N, C-alpha and C. Protein backbone atom coordinates (compact mmCIF):
# COMPACT_ATOMS: atom_id res chain seq x y z
N MET A 1 17.49 -69.92 35.07
CA MET A 1 18.41 -68.91 35.16
C MET A 1 18.97 -68.47 33.85
N THR A 2 19.16 -67.02 33.54
CA THR A 2 19.83 -66.49 32.41
C THR A 2 21.12 -66.48 32.33
N ALA A 3 21.80 -67.24 31.20
CA ALA A 3 23.16 -67.12 31.43
C ALA A 3 23.97 -65.78 30.93
N SER A 4 23.15 -65.12 29.99
CA SER A 4 23.72 -63.80 29.50
C SER A 4 22.46 -62.77 29.66
N PRO A 5 22.20 -62.27 30.89
CA PRO A 5 20.87 -61.34 31.13
C PRO A 5 21.27 -60.02 30.59
N LEU A 6 19.98 -59.31 30.22
CA LEU A 6 19.93 -58.12 29.56
C LEU A 6 19.75 -57.24 30.61
N ILE A 7 20.80 -56.46 30.91
CA ILE A 7 20.80 -55.48 31.77
C ILE A 7 20.62 -53.98 31.37
N GLY A 8 19.62 -53.27 31.71
CA GLY A 8 19.56 -51.98 31.33
C GLY A 8 20.56 -50.88 32.10
N VAL A 9 20.90 -49.95 31.55
CA VAL A 9 21.50 -48.85 32.21
C VAL A 9 20.63 -47.53 32.00
N LEU A 10 20.27 -47.01 33.19
CA LEU A 10 19.40 -45.81 32.98
C LEU A 10 19.98 -44.68 32.17
N ALA A 11 19.82 -44.24 31.21
CA ALA A 11 20.61 -43.45 30.27
C ALA A 11 20.10 -42.23 30.31
N LEU A 12 19.81 -41.48 31.45
CA LEU A 12 19.32 -40.06 31.55
C LEU A 12 20.36 -39.28 31.76
N GLN A 13 21.25 -39.44 32.55
CA GLN A 13 22.45 -38.62 32.92
C GLN A 13 23.57 -39.51 33.55
N GLY A 14 24.64 -39.12 33.39
CA GLY A 14 25.89 -39.92 34.20
C GLY A 14 26.78 -40.70 33.37
N ASP A 15 27.47 -41.42 34.24
CA ASP A 15 28.65 -42.39 33.47
C ASP A 15 28.11 -43.64 32.96
N ILE A 16 27.26 -43.60 31.82
CA ILE A 16 26.53 -44.75 31.27
C ILE A 16 27.65 -45.64 30.56
N LYS A 17 28.35 -45.23 29.74
CA LYS A 17 29.16 -46.10 28.99
C LYS A 17 30.20 -46.76 30.08
N GLU A 18 30.51 -46.36 30.84
CA GLU A 18 31.62 -47.15 31.86
C GLU A 18 30.81 -48.30 32.43
N HIS A 19 29.50 -48.16 32.84
CA HIS A 19 28.86 -49.32 33.36
C HIS A 19 28.54 -50.38 32.24
N GLU A 20 28.24 -49.85 31.12
CA GLU A 20 28.03 -50.98 30.22
C GLU A 20 29.27 -51.61 29.78
N LEU A 21 30.35 -51.16 29.69
CA LEU A 21 31.70 -51.86 29.56
C LEU A 21 31.75 -52.79 30.63
N ALA A 22 31.68 -52.30 31.97
CA ALA A 22 31.87 -53.52 33.01
C ALA A 22 30.81 -54.41 33.14
N LEU A 23 29.81 -54.17 32.72
CA LEU A 23 28.80 -55.45 32.41
C LEU A 23 28.91 -56.04 31.33
N THR A 24 29.41 -55.68 30.19
CA THR A 24 29.68 -56.70 29.32
C THR A 24 30.99 -57.38 29.48
N ALA A 25 31.77 -56.88 30.26
CA ALA A 25 33.11 -57.47 30.79
C ALA A 25 32.75 -58.65 31.60
N VAL A 26 31.61 -58.77 32.24
CA VAL A 26 31.37 -59.99 33.14
C VAL A 26 30.21 -60.71 32.60
N GLY A 27 29.82 -60.65 31.19
CA GLY A 27 28.96 -61.64 30.46
C GLY A 27 27.69 -61.28 30.38
N ALA A 28 27.31 -59.96 30.84
CA ALA A 28 25.91 -59.35 30.50
C ALA A 28 25.78 -58.90 29.23
N ARG A 29 24.61 -58.62 28.81
CA ARG A 29 24.34 -58.02 27.66
C ARG A 29 23.61 -56.60 28.09
N THR A 30 23.81 -55.49 27.38
CA THR A 30 23.24 -54.11 28.01
C THR A 30 22.50 -53.47 26.93
N ALA A 31 21.55 -52.80 27.68
CA ALA A 31 20.69 -52.06 26.81
C ALA A 31 20.30 -50.79 27.55
N ARG A 32 20.30 -49.38 26.86
CA ARG A 32 20.04 -48.29 27.29
C ARG A 32 18.66 -47.89 27.62
N VAL A 33 18.13 -47.47 28.77
CA VAL A 33 16.71 -47.30 29.18
C VAL A 33 16.38 -45.97 29.40
N ARG A 34 15.65 -45.43 28.24
CA ARG A 34 15.05 -44.00 28.56
C ARG A 34 13.63 -43.95 28.50
N THR A 35 12.81 -45.04 28.10
CA THR A 35 11.47 -45.12 28.08
C THR A 35 10.99 -46.15 28.89
N GLU A 36 9.60 -46.44 28.98
CA GLU A 36 9.03 -47.40 29.76
C GLU A 36 8.95 -48.55 29.12
N ALA A 37 8.86 -48.65 27.60
CA ALA A 37 8.80 -49.71 26.84
C ALA A 37 10.31 -50.46 26.96
N GLU A 38 11.54 -49.54 27.00
CA GLU A 38 12.78 -50.28 27.13
C GLU A 38 13.08 -50.82 28.51
N LEU A 39 12.50 -50.16 29.58
CA LEU A 39 12.46 -50.61 30.91
C LEU A 39 11.76 -51.96 30.97
N ALA A 40 10.75 -52.27 30.19
CA ALA A 40 10.03 -53.50 30.46
C ALA A 40 10.85 -54.61 29.84
N GLN A 41 11.90 -54.17 28.71
CA GLN A 41 12.56 -55.31 28.33
C GLN A 41 13.61 -55.64 28.88
N VAL A 42 14.19 -55.23 30.11
CA VAL A 42 15.38 -55.68 30.81
C VAL A 42 15.11 -56.44 31.98
N ASP A 43 16.12 -57.37 32.20
CA ASP A 43 16.25 -58.29 33.46
C ASP A 43 16.66 -57.60 34.67
N GLY A 44 17.43 -56.48 34.59
CA GLY A 44 18.03 -55.95 35.58
C GLY A 44 18.19 -54.61 35.40
N LEU A 45 18.49 -53.54 36.21
CA LEU A 45 18.74 -52.07 35.73
C LEU A 45 19.87 -51.44 36.72
N VAL A 46 20.75 -50.94 35.94
CA VAL A 46 21.73 -50.14 36.77
C VAL A 46 21.36 -48.61 36.59
N ILE A 47 21.38 -47.93 37.89
CA ILE A 47 21.34 -46.46 37.95
C ILE A 47 22.48 -45.90 38.11
N PRO A 48 23.30 -45.32 37.19
CA PRO A 48 24.75 -44.90 37.39
C PRO A 48 24.90 -43.48 38.05
N GLY A 49 26.13 -43.28 38.40
CA GLY A 49 26.52 -42.07 38.92
C GLY A 49 26.19 -40.92 38.35
N GLY A 50 26.15 -39.71 38.53
CA GLY A 50 25.93 -38.40 38.13
C GLY A 50 25.21 -37.30 39.03
N GLU A 51 24.29 -36.72 38.63
CA GLU A 51 23.78 -35.69 39.45
C GLU A 51 22.22 -36.05 39.60
N SER A 52 22.23 -36.46 41.08
CA SER A 52 20.85 -36.98 41.52
C SER A 52 19.64 -36.11 41.32
N THR A 53 19.88 -34.97 41.39
CA THR A 53 18.65 -33.92 40.92
C THR A 53 18.40 -33.92 39.81
N THR A 54 19.41 -33.73 38.77
CA THR A 54 19.02 -33.75 37.21
C THR A 54 18.49 -35.22 36.96
N MET A 55 19.00 -36.17 37.15
CA MET A 55 18.52 -37.42 36.96
C MET A 55 17.05 -37.76 37.27
N SER A 56 16.64 -37.30 38.56
CA SER A 56 15.12 -37.21 39.07
C SER A 56 14.38 -36.37 38.16
N ASN A 57 14.87 -35.06 38.03
CA ASN A 57 13.98 -34.22 37.00
C ASN A 57 13.86 -34.78 35.66
N LEU A 58 14.95 -35.27 35.13
CA LEU A 58 14.79 -35.97 33.58
C LEU A 58 13.79 -37.01 33.66
N ALA A 59 13.78 -37.98 34.72
CA ALA A 59 12.96 -38.90 34.96
C ALA A 59 11.55 -38.64 34.89
N ILE A 60 11.50 -37.54 35.69
CA ILE A 60 9.85 -36.98 35.87
C ILE A 60 9.47 -36.30 34.49
N ARG A 61 10.34 -35.49 33.74
CA ARG A 61 10.02 -35.08 32.52
C ARG A 61 9.91 -35.96 31.49
N MET A 62 10.48 -37.06 31.46
CA MET A 62 10.16 -38.11 30.63
C MET A 62 9.29 -39.23 30.82
N ASN A 63 8.52 -38.93 31.77
CA ASN A 63 7.45 -39.74 32.28
C ASN A 63 7.87 -41.28 32.86
N LEU A 64 9.20 -41.21 33.14
CA LEU A 64 9.73 -42.58 33.61
C LEU A 64 9.82 -42.79 35.15
N ILE A 65 9.55 -41.92 35.94
CA ILE A 65 9.94 -42.15 37.43
C ILE A 65 8.69 -43.04 38.06
N ASP A 66 7.31 -43.06 37.56
CA ASP A 66 6.39 -43.92 37.94
C ASP A 66 6.67 -45.28 37.45
N PRO A 67 7.12 -45.38 36.38
CA PRO A 67 7.42 -46.75 35.78
C PRO A 67 8.66 -47.27 36.35
N LEU A 68 9.79 -46.37 36.76
CA LEU A 68 10.85 -47.14 37.50
C LEU A 68 10.25 -47.65 39.07
N ARG A 69 9.39 -46.79 39.74
CA ARG A 69 8.97 -47.12 40.83
C ARG A 69 8.17 -48.64 41.08
N ALA A 70 7.33 -48.55 39.80
CA ALA A 70 6.37 -49.80 39.79
C ALA A 70 7.59 -50.93 39.20
N ALA A 71 8.46 -50.67 38.72
CA ALA A 71 9.28 -51.87 38.38
C ALA A 71 10.08 -52.24 39.63
N SER A 72 10.52 -51.34 40.53
CA SER A 72 11.15 -51.69 41.55
C SER A 72 10.37 -52.51 42.54
N LYS A 73 9.07 -51.90 42.60
CA LYS A 73 7.97 -52.73 43.39
C LYS A 73 7.81 -54.13 43.06
N ALA A 74 7.77 -54.39 41.45
CA ALA A 74 7.65 -55.73 41.21
C ALA A 74 8.66 -56.45 41.36
N GLY A 75 9.87 -55.99 41.72
CA GLY A 75 11.05 -56.68 42.09
C GLY A 75 12.11 -56.97 40.85
N LEU A 76 12.04 -55.87 40.30
CA LEU A 76 13.22 -55.88 39.09
C LEU A 76 14.61 -55.47 39.89
N PRO A 77 15.51 -56.40 39.74
CA PRO A 77 16.92 -56.09 40.41
C PRO A 77 17.42 -54.59 39.92
N MET A 78 17.78 -54.03 40.94
CA MET A 78 18.35 -52.61 40.56
C MET A 78 19.84 -52.56 41.23
N TYR A 79 20.68 -51.80 40.76
CA TYR A 79 21.80 -51.62 41.35
C TYR A 79 22.13 -50.07 41.04
N GLY A 80 22.49 -49.15 42.21
CA GLY A 80 22.78 -47.95 42.02
C GLY A 80 24.16 -47.55 42.69
N SER A 81 25.04 -46.72 41.70
CA SER A 81 26.07 -46.12 42.11
C SER A 81 26.16 -44.87 42.32
N CYS A 82 26.56 -44.42 43.53
CA CYS A 82 26.80 -42.97 43.87
C CYS A 82 25.45 -42.25 43.88
N ALA A 83 25.16 -41.46 42.72
CA ALA A 83 23.89 -40.72 42.64
C ALA A 83 22.68 -41.86 42.32
N GLY A 84 23.04 -43.00 41.89
CA GLY A 84 22.02 -44.18 41.73
C GLY A 84 21.53 -44.67 43.11
N MET A 85 22.68 -44.35 44.02
CA MET A 85 22.17 -44.88 45.61
C MET A 85 21.14 -44.06 46.19
N ILE A 86 21.39 -42.91 45.74
CA ILE A 86 20.11 -41.59 46.16
C ILE A 86 19.08 -41.95 45.62
N MET A 87 19.07 -42.29 44.08
CA MET A 87 17.72 -42.62 43.53
C MET A 87 17.03 -43.86 44.02
N LEU A 88 17.61 -44.74 44.60
CA LEU A 88 17.03 -46.13 45.09
C LEU A 88 16.65 -45.79 46.58
N ALA A 89 17.29 -44.85 47.43
CA ALA A 89 17.03 -44.63 48.65
C ALA A 89 15.62 -44.31 49.06
N ALA A 90 15.07 -44.91 50.23
CA ALA A 90 13.73 -44.64 50.69
C ALA A 90 13.56 -43.22 51.28
N HIS A 91 14.82 -42.90 51.80
CA HIS A 91 14.75 -41.40 52.54
C HIS A 91 15.94 -40.67 52.09
N VAL A 92 16.11 -39.68 51.97
CA VAL A 92 17.40 -38.76 51.51
C VAL A 92 17.18 -37.60 52.52
N THR A 93 17.98 -37.37 53.38
CA THR A 93 17.89 -36.20 54.50
C THR A 93 18.09 -34.92 53.89
N ASP A 94 18.68 -34.71 53.02
CA ASP A 94 19.20 -33.23 52.32
C ASP A 94 18.71 -33.02 51.22
N ALA A 95 17.66 -33.85 50.58
CA ALA A 95 17.23 -33.61 49.14
C ALA A 95 16.60 -32.34 48.89
N ARG A 96 16.51 -31.73 47.90
CA ARG A 96 15.71 -30.66 47.53
C ARG A 96 14.34 -31.06 47.44
N PRO A 97 13.38 -29.84 47.76
CA PRO A 97 12.17 -30.14 47.77
C PRO A 97 11.53 -30.75 46.66
N ASP A 98 11.75 -30.61 45.59
CA ASP A 98 11.37 -31.00 44.25
C ASP A 98 11.84 -32.46 43.74
N GLN A 99 12.87 -32.88 44.56
CA GLN A 99 13.58 -34.14 44.36
C GLN A 99 12.83 -35.48 44.47
N GLN A 100 12.64 -36.31 43.51
CA GLN A 100 11.99 -37.53 43.50
C GLN A 100 12.68 -38.77 43.53
N THR A 101 12.70 -39.76 44.21
CA THR A 101 13.49 -40.93 44.03
C THR A 101 12.65 -42.31 43.66
N ILE A 102 13.28 -43.24 43.31
CA ILE A 102 12.51 -44.55 42.81
C ILE A 102 12.27 -45.09 44.03
N GLY A 103 13.08 -45.01 45.07
CA GLY A 103 12.83 -45.85 46.55
C GLY A 103 13.01 -47.43 46.26
N GLY A 104 12.42 -48.03 47.25
CA GLY A 104 12.84 -49.44 47.27
C GLY A 104 13.92 -50.13 48.10
N LEU A 105 14.77 -49.23 48.53
CA LEU A 105 15.87 -49.70 49.37
C LEU A 105 15.66 -49.03 50.44
N ASP A 106 15.63 -49.61 51.68
CA ASP A 106 15.19 -49.15 53.06
C ASP A 106 16.38 -48.51 53.71
N VAL A 107 16.73 -47.48 53.33
CA VAL A 107 18.03 -46.88 53.89
C VAL A 107 17.88 -45.32 53.88
N THR A 108 18.45 -44.64 54.81
CA THR A 108 18.38 -43.15 54.69
C THR A 108 19.61 -42.62 54.19
N VAL A 109 19.90 -41.75 53.23
CA VAL A 109 21.25 -41.44 52.45
C VAL A 109 21.28 -39.89 52.58
N ARG A 110 22.54 -39.50 52.89
CA ARG A 110 22.83 -38.05 52.59
C ARG A 110 23.57 -37.87 51.42
N ARG A 111 23.25 -36.84 50.68
CA ARG A 111 23.75 -36.49 49.64
C ARG A 111 25.24 -35.64 49.68
N ASN A 112 25.95 -35.89 48.78
CA ASN A 112 27.31 -35.14 48.76
C ASN A 112 27.81 -35.08 50.25
N ALA A 113 27.99 -36.25 50.96
CA ALA A 113 28.31 -36.30 52.36
C ALA A 113 29.77 -36.21 52.47
N PHE A 114 30.69 -36.28 51.41
CA PHE A 114 31.91 -36.17 51.57
C PHE A 114 32.79 -34.87 50.88
N GLY A 115 31.75 -33.78 50.74
CA GLY A 115 32.19 -32.70 50.09
C GLY A 115 32.10 -32.50 48.57
N ARG A 116 32.84 -31.48 48.12
CA ARG A 116 32.50 -31.12 46.62
C ARG A 116 33.46 -31.95 45.73
N GLN A 117 33.34 -31.90 44.52
CA GLN A 117 34.19 -32.73 43.70
C GLN A 117 35.57 -32.66 43.90
N VAL A 118 36.14 -31.43 44.47
CA VAL A 118 37.58 -31.24 44.62
C VAL A 118 38.02 -32.26 45.88
N ASP A 119 36.82 -32.76 46.60
CA ASP A 119 37.17 -33.62 47.93
C ASP A 119 37.17 -34.97 47.52
N SER A 120 37.10 -35.45 46.18
CA SER A 120 36.98 -36.89 45.86
C SER A 120 38.20 -37.31 46.29
N PHE A 121 38.02 -38.79 46.47
CA PHE A 121 39.24 -39.62 47.07
C PHE A 121 39.37 -41.02 46.75
N GLU A 122 40.11 -41.94 46.78
CA GLU A 122 40.13 -43.32 46.63
C GLU A 122 40.56 -43.85 47.77
N ILE A 123 40.00 -45.16 48.24
CA ILE A 123 40.39 -45.73 49.33
C ILE A 123 40.14 -47.48 49.35
N ASP A 124 40.98 -48.12 49.88
CA ASP A 124 40.62 -49.86 49.76
C ASP A 124 39.61 -50.21 50.90
N LEU A 125 38.68 -50.84 50.10
CA LEU A 125 37.49 -51.37 51.03
C LEU A 125 37.57 -53.06 51.27
N ASP A 126 37.26 -53.40 52.33
CA ASP A 126 36.76 -54.69 52.43
C ASP A 126 35.36 -54.86 52.20
N ILE A 127 35.06 -55.71 51.38
CA ILE A 127 33.48 -56.15 50.95
C ILE A 127 33.16 -57.33 51.17
N SER A 128 31.94 -57.47 51.90
CA SER A 128 31.66 -58.89 52.22
C SER A 128 31.39 -59.75 51.21
N GLY A 129 32.00 -60.92 51.18
CA GLY A 129 31.99 -61.91 50.44
C GLY A 129 32.83 -61.85 49.07
N PHE A 130 33.75 -60.76 49.07
CA PHE A 130 34.70 -60.55 48.24
C PHE A 130 36.16 -60.98 48.39
N GLY A 131 36.24 -61.77 49.55
CA GLY A 131 37.63 -62.56 49.86
C GLY A 131 38.75 -61.59 50.43
N PRO A 132 39.78 -61.83 50.74
CA PRO A 132 40.68 -60.89 51.25
C PRO A 132 41.36 -59.57 50.43
N GLU A 133 41.22 -59.94 48.93
CA GLU A 133 41.91 -58.64 48.31
C GLU A 133 40.92 -57.50 48.23
N PRO A 134 41.31 -56.45 48.56
CA PRO A 134 40.58 -55.10 48.88
C PRO A 134 40.30 -54.70 47.52
N PHE A 135 38.95 -53.88 47.70
CA PHE A 135 38.33 -53.26 46.57
C PHE A 135 38.76 -51.86 46.49
N ARG A 136 39.53 -51.20 45.31
CA ARG A 136 39.79 -49.96 45.35
C ARG A 136 38.67 -49.09 44.90
N ALA A 137 38.15 -48.17 45.97
CA ALA A 137 36.93 -47.52 45.63
C ALA A 137 37.29 -46.05 45.25
N VAL A 138 36.63 -45.58 44.40
CA VAL A 138 36.46 -44.09 43.89
C VAL A 138 35.16 -43.34 44.61
N PHE A 139 35.47 -42.36 45.20
CA PHE A 139 34.31 -41.45 45.76
C PHE A 139 34.39 -40.07 45.22
N ILE A 140 33.34 -39.77 44.52
CA ILE A 140 33.31 -38.50 43.95
C ILE A 140 31.81 -37.86 44.11
N ARG A 141 32.04 -36.83 44.99
CA ARG A 141 30.87 -36.11 45.61
C ARG A 141 29.83 -37.20 46.08
N ALA A 142 30.25 -38.02 46.86
CA ALA A 142 29.73 -39.21 47.22
C ALA A 142 28.50 -39.11 48.28
N PRO A 143 27.26 -39.85 48.19
CA PRO A 143 26.38 -39.91 49.52
C PRO A 143 27.05 -40.79 50.51
N LEU A 144 26.42 -40.78 51.56
CA LEU A 144 26.47 -41.92 52.59
C LEU A 144 25.45 -42.53 53.11
N VAL A 145 25.62 -43.56 53.66
CA VAL A 145 24.23 -44.22 54.38
C VAL A 145 23.96 -43.80 55.87
N GLU A 146 23.18 -43.19 56.32
CA GLU A 146 23.21 -42.55 57.63
C GLU A 146 22.38 -43.55 58.56
N SER A 147 21.58 -44.57 57.85
CA SER A 147 21.00 -45.49 58.76
C SER A 147 20.28 -46.66 57.70
N VAL A 148 20.17 -47.87 58.18
CA VAL A 148 19.56 -48.94 57.35
C VAL A 148 18.43 -49.54 58.11
N ASP A 149 17.38 -50.07 57.54
CA ASP A 149 16.45 -50.88 58.00
C ASP A 149 16.86 -52.16 58.30
N SER A 150 16.20 -53.29 59.22
CA SER A 150 16.72 -54.36 59.49
C SER A 150 17.01 -55.31 58.32
N GLY A 151 16.05 -55.11 57.25
CA GLY A 151 16.27 -56.06 56.17
C GLY A 151 17.31 -55.81 55.03
N VAL A 152 17.98 -54.73 55.34
CA VAL A 152 19.34 -54.39 54.83
C VAL A 152 20.80 -54.76 55.08
N GLU A 153 21.46 -55.57 54.20
CA GLU A 153 22.61 -55.94 54.69
C GLU A 153 23.72 -55.17 54.25
N VAL A 154 24.54 -54.80 55.30
CA VAL A 154 25.63 -53.69 55.18
C VAL A 154 27.04 -54.66 54.38
N LEU A 155 27.12 -54.28 53.25
CA LEU A 155 28.47 -55.14 52.54
C LEU A 155 29.80 -54.41 52.81
N SER A 156 29.76 -53.03 53.26
CA SER A 156 31.15 -52.57 53.42
C SER A 156 31.17 -51.26 54.15
N THR A 157 32.03 -50.89 55.05
CA THR A 157 32.05 -49.47 55.54
C THR A 157 33.53 -49.16 55.57
N LEU A 158 33.71 -47.66 55.69
CA LEU A 158 34.88 -47.14 55.64
C LEU A 158 35.70 -47.65 57.09
N GLN A 159 36.94 -47.85 57.06
CA GLN A 159 37.78 -48.44 57.92
C GLN A 159 38.54 -47.65 58.62
N ARG A 160 38.90 -46.27 58.11
CA ARG A 160 39.85 -45.56 58.63
C ARG A 160 39.51 -44.09 58.52
N GLY A 161 40.29 -43.04 58.92
CA GLY A 161 39.85 -41.68 58.84
C GLY A 161 38.83 -41.34 59.73
N GLY A 162 38.50 -39.93 59.59
CA GLY A 162 37.44 -39.26 60.35
C GLY A 162 35.76 -40.00 60.23
N ALA A 163 35.69 -40.45 59.06
CA ALA A 163 34.65 -41.06 58.61
C ALA A 163 34.45 -42.61 58.78
N ALA A 164 35.41 -43.28 59.58
CA ALA A 164 35.45 -44.52 59.82
C ALA A 164 34.17 -45.19 60.38
N GLY A 165 33.63 -46.16 59.89
CA GLY A 165 32.23 -46.91 60.18
C GLY A 165 31.47 -46.18 59.57
N THR A 166 31.54 -45.31 58.44
CA THR A 166 30.49 -44.97 57.36
C THR A 166 30.15 -45.97 56.61
N ILE A 167 28.88 -46.34 56.48
CA ILE A 167 28.22 -47.26 55.55
C ILE A 167 28.22 -47.08 53.98
N VAL A 168 29.16 -47.64 53.06
CA VAL A 168 29.11 -47.36 51.84
C VAL A 168 28.67 -48.35 50.80
N ALA A 169 28.17 -49.37 51.09
CA ALA A 169 27.72 -50.32 50.32
C ALA A 169 26.70 -51.25 50.94
N VAL A 170 25.52 -51.49 50.47
CA VAL A 170 24.35 -52.27 50.95
C VAL A 170 23.62 -53.12 50.02
N ARG A 171 23.06 -54.11 50.22
CA ARG A 171 22.21 -55.06 49.62
C ARG A 171 20.93 -55.29 50.34
N GLN A 172 19.92 -55.18 49.52
CA GLN A 172 18.51 -55.40 50.17
C GLN A 172 17.86 -56.48 49.15
N GLY A 173 18.02 -57.80 49.25
CA GLY A 173 17.18 -58.58 48.20
C GLY A 173 17.81 -58.57 47.05
N VAL A 174 16.98 -57.95 46.10
CA VAL A 174 17.63 -57.73 44.49
C VAL A 174 18.15 -56.24 44.29
N ARG A 175 18.25 -55.55 45.48
CA ARG A 175 18.53 -54.24 45.27
C ARG A 175 19.97 -54.11 45.93
N LEU A 176 20.98 -53.56 44.94
CA LEU A 176 22.28 -53.36 45.50
C LEU A 176 22.56 -51.80 45.34
N ALA A 177 23.52 -51.39 46.26
CA ALA A 177 23.69 -50.00 46.06
C ALA A 177 25.40 -49.54 46.59
N THR A 178 25.95 -48.72 46.14
CA THR A 178 27.39 -48.32 46.59
C THR A 178 27.48 -46.67 46.59
N SER A 179 28.12 -46.24 47.60
CA SER A 179 28.50 -44.96 47.50
C SER A 179 29.47 -44.27 46.49
N PHE A 180 30.22 -45.26 46.10
CA PHE A 180 31.35 -45.38 45.13
C PHE A 180 31.11 -45.76 43.67
N HIS A 181 32.20 -45.46 42.87
CA HIS A 181 32.01 -45.67 41.24
C HIS A 181 32.84 -46.88 40.91
N PRO A 182 32.41 -48.25 41.17
CA PRO A 182 33.32 -49.34 40.80
C PRO A 182 33.40 -49.49 39.26
N GLU A 183 32.69 -48.64 38.56
CA GLU A 183 32.90 -48.76 37.11
C GLU A 183 34.06 -47.92 36.55
N LEU A 184 34.51 -47.19 37.36
CA LEU A 184 35.89 -46.31 37.03
C LEU A 184 37.20 -47.11 37.30
N THR A 185 37.04 -48.35 37.84
CA THR A 185 38.47 -48.74 38.34
C THR A 185 39.03 -49.95 37.70
N GLY A 186 38.10 -50.59 36.71
CA GLY A 186 38.46 -51.87 36.40
C GLY A 186 38.38 -53.03 37.12
N ASP A 187 37.98 -53.04 38.36
CA ASP A 187 37.76 -54.16 39.28
C ASP A 187 36.09 -54.34 39.09
N THR A 188 35.89 -55.59 38.34
CA THR A 188 34.52 -55.85 38.20
C THR A 188 33.52 -56.62 39.02
N ARG A 189 34.23 -56.83 40.30
CA ARG A 189 33.55 -57.55 41.46
C ARG A 189 32.28 -57.11 41.60
N ILE A 190 31.89 -55.75 41.84
CA ILE A 190 30.33 -55.40 42.03
C ILE A 190 29.71 -55.61 40.96
N HIS A 191 29.99 -55.43 39.63
CA HIS A 191 29.22 -55.72 38.50
C HIS A 191 28.94 -57.35 38.57
N GLU A 192 30.04 -58.16 38.87
CA GLU A 192 29.70 -59.46 38.79
C GLU A 192 28.66 -59.88 39.82
N LEU A 193 28.75 -59.23 41.24
CA LEU A 193 27.70 -59.45 41.97
C LEU A 193 26.29 -59.05 41.58
N PHE A 194 26.50 -57.97 40.76
CA PHE A 194 24.82 -57.78 40.69
C PHE A 194 24.36 -58.61 39.34
N VAL A 195 25.11 -58.92 38.30
CA VAL A 195 24.78 -59.85 37.25
C VAL A 195 24.50 -61.18 37.86
N GLU A 196 25.09 -61.64 38.99
CA GLU A 196 24.74 -63.06 39.68
C GLU A 196 23.33 -62.76 40.27
N ILE A 197 23.08 -61.49 41.02
CA ILE A 197 21.72 -61.35 41.43
C ILE A 197 20.72 -61.66 40.33
N VAL A 198 21.04 -60.78 39.18
CA VAL A 198 20.05 -60.86 38.09
C VAL A 198 19.66 -62.19 37.58
N ARG A 199 20.91 -63.05 37.30
CA ARG A 199 20.78 -64.40 37.06
C ARG A 199 20.00 -65.38 37.90
N GLN A 200 20.34 -65.03 39.20
CA GLN A 200 19.33 -65.83 40.22
C GLN A 200 17.86 -65.47 40.15
N HIS A 201 17.62 -64.28 40.16
CA HIS A 201 16.38 -63.73 40.11
C HIS A 201 15.51 -64.25 38.82
N SER A 202 16.25 -64.27 37.52
CA SER A 202 15.87 -64.57 36.36
C SER A 202 15.31 -66.25 36.19
């Protein structure tokens, strides 16, 4: 078990610095990942929020999409927030024809499911294993999980409003994904969970 694992943040596009700060706050070391060589050095990988189509296109252009897929298949722990969830999803119902994903998370995701940026919102969530204190979640042009396979654990769903019951956080083995942006709130419990997953895997 590695006390202070080296966790990469996929540094193609999105809120990279915010994830680095959250990971450092919970005892991890961080490294930005833009190349296959950099990917090979890390104990786990965060795919940040941003724009999933842009992220996909950059990964293809930089010859990184196949190494990312290979790392996922080899069991590298990965956490995706918002666009990162889309990148990890096995199926995306409304993806552009040219969009490619890393895969490895057996879920079906719908992009921009909650509307445009002006429709962003915050809400308190109950997250499995986090105790009674709610998690304040920030949703920005967020995806939702339409369905999960039997091996996927649902960690949280929306509890009120027209979207009540919508799945917004999942885990499958060493893969973790959220529709929301925990790196924007100061609540580090999602990052703590991922760091612990990486430690146990290491």
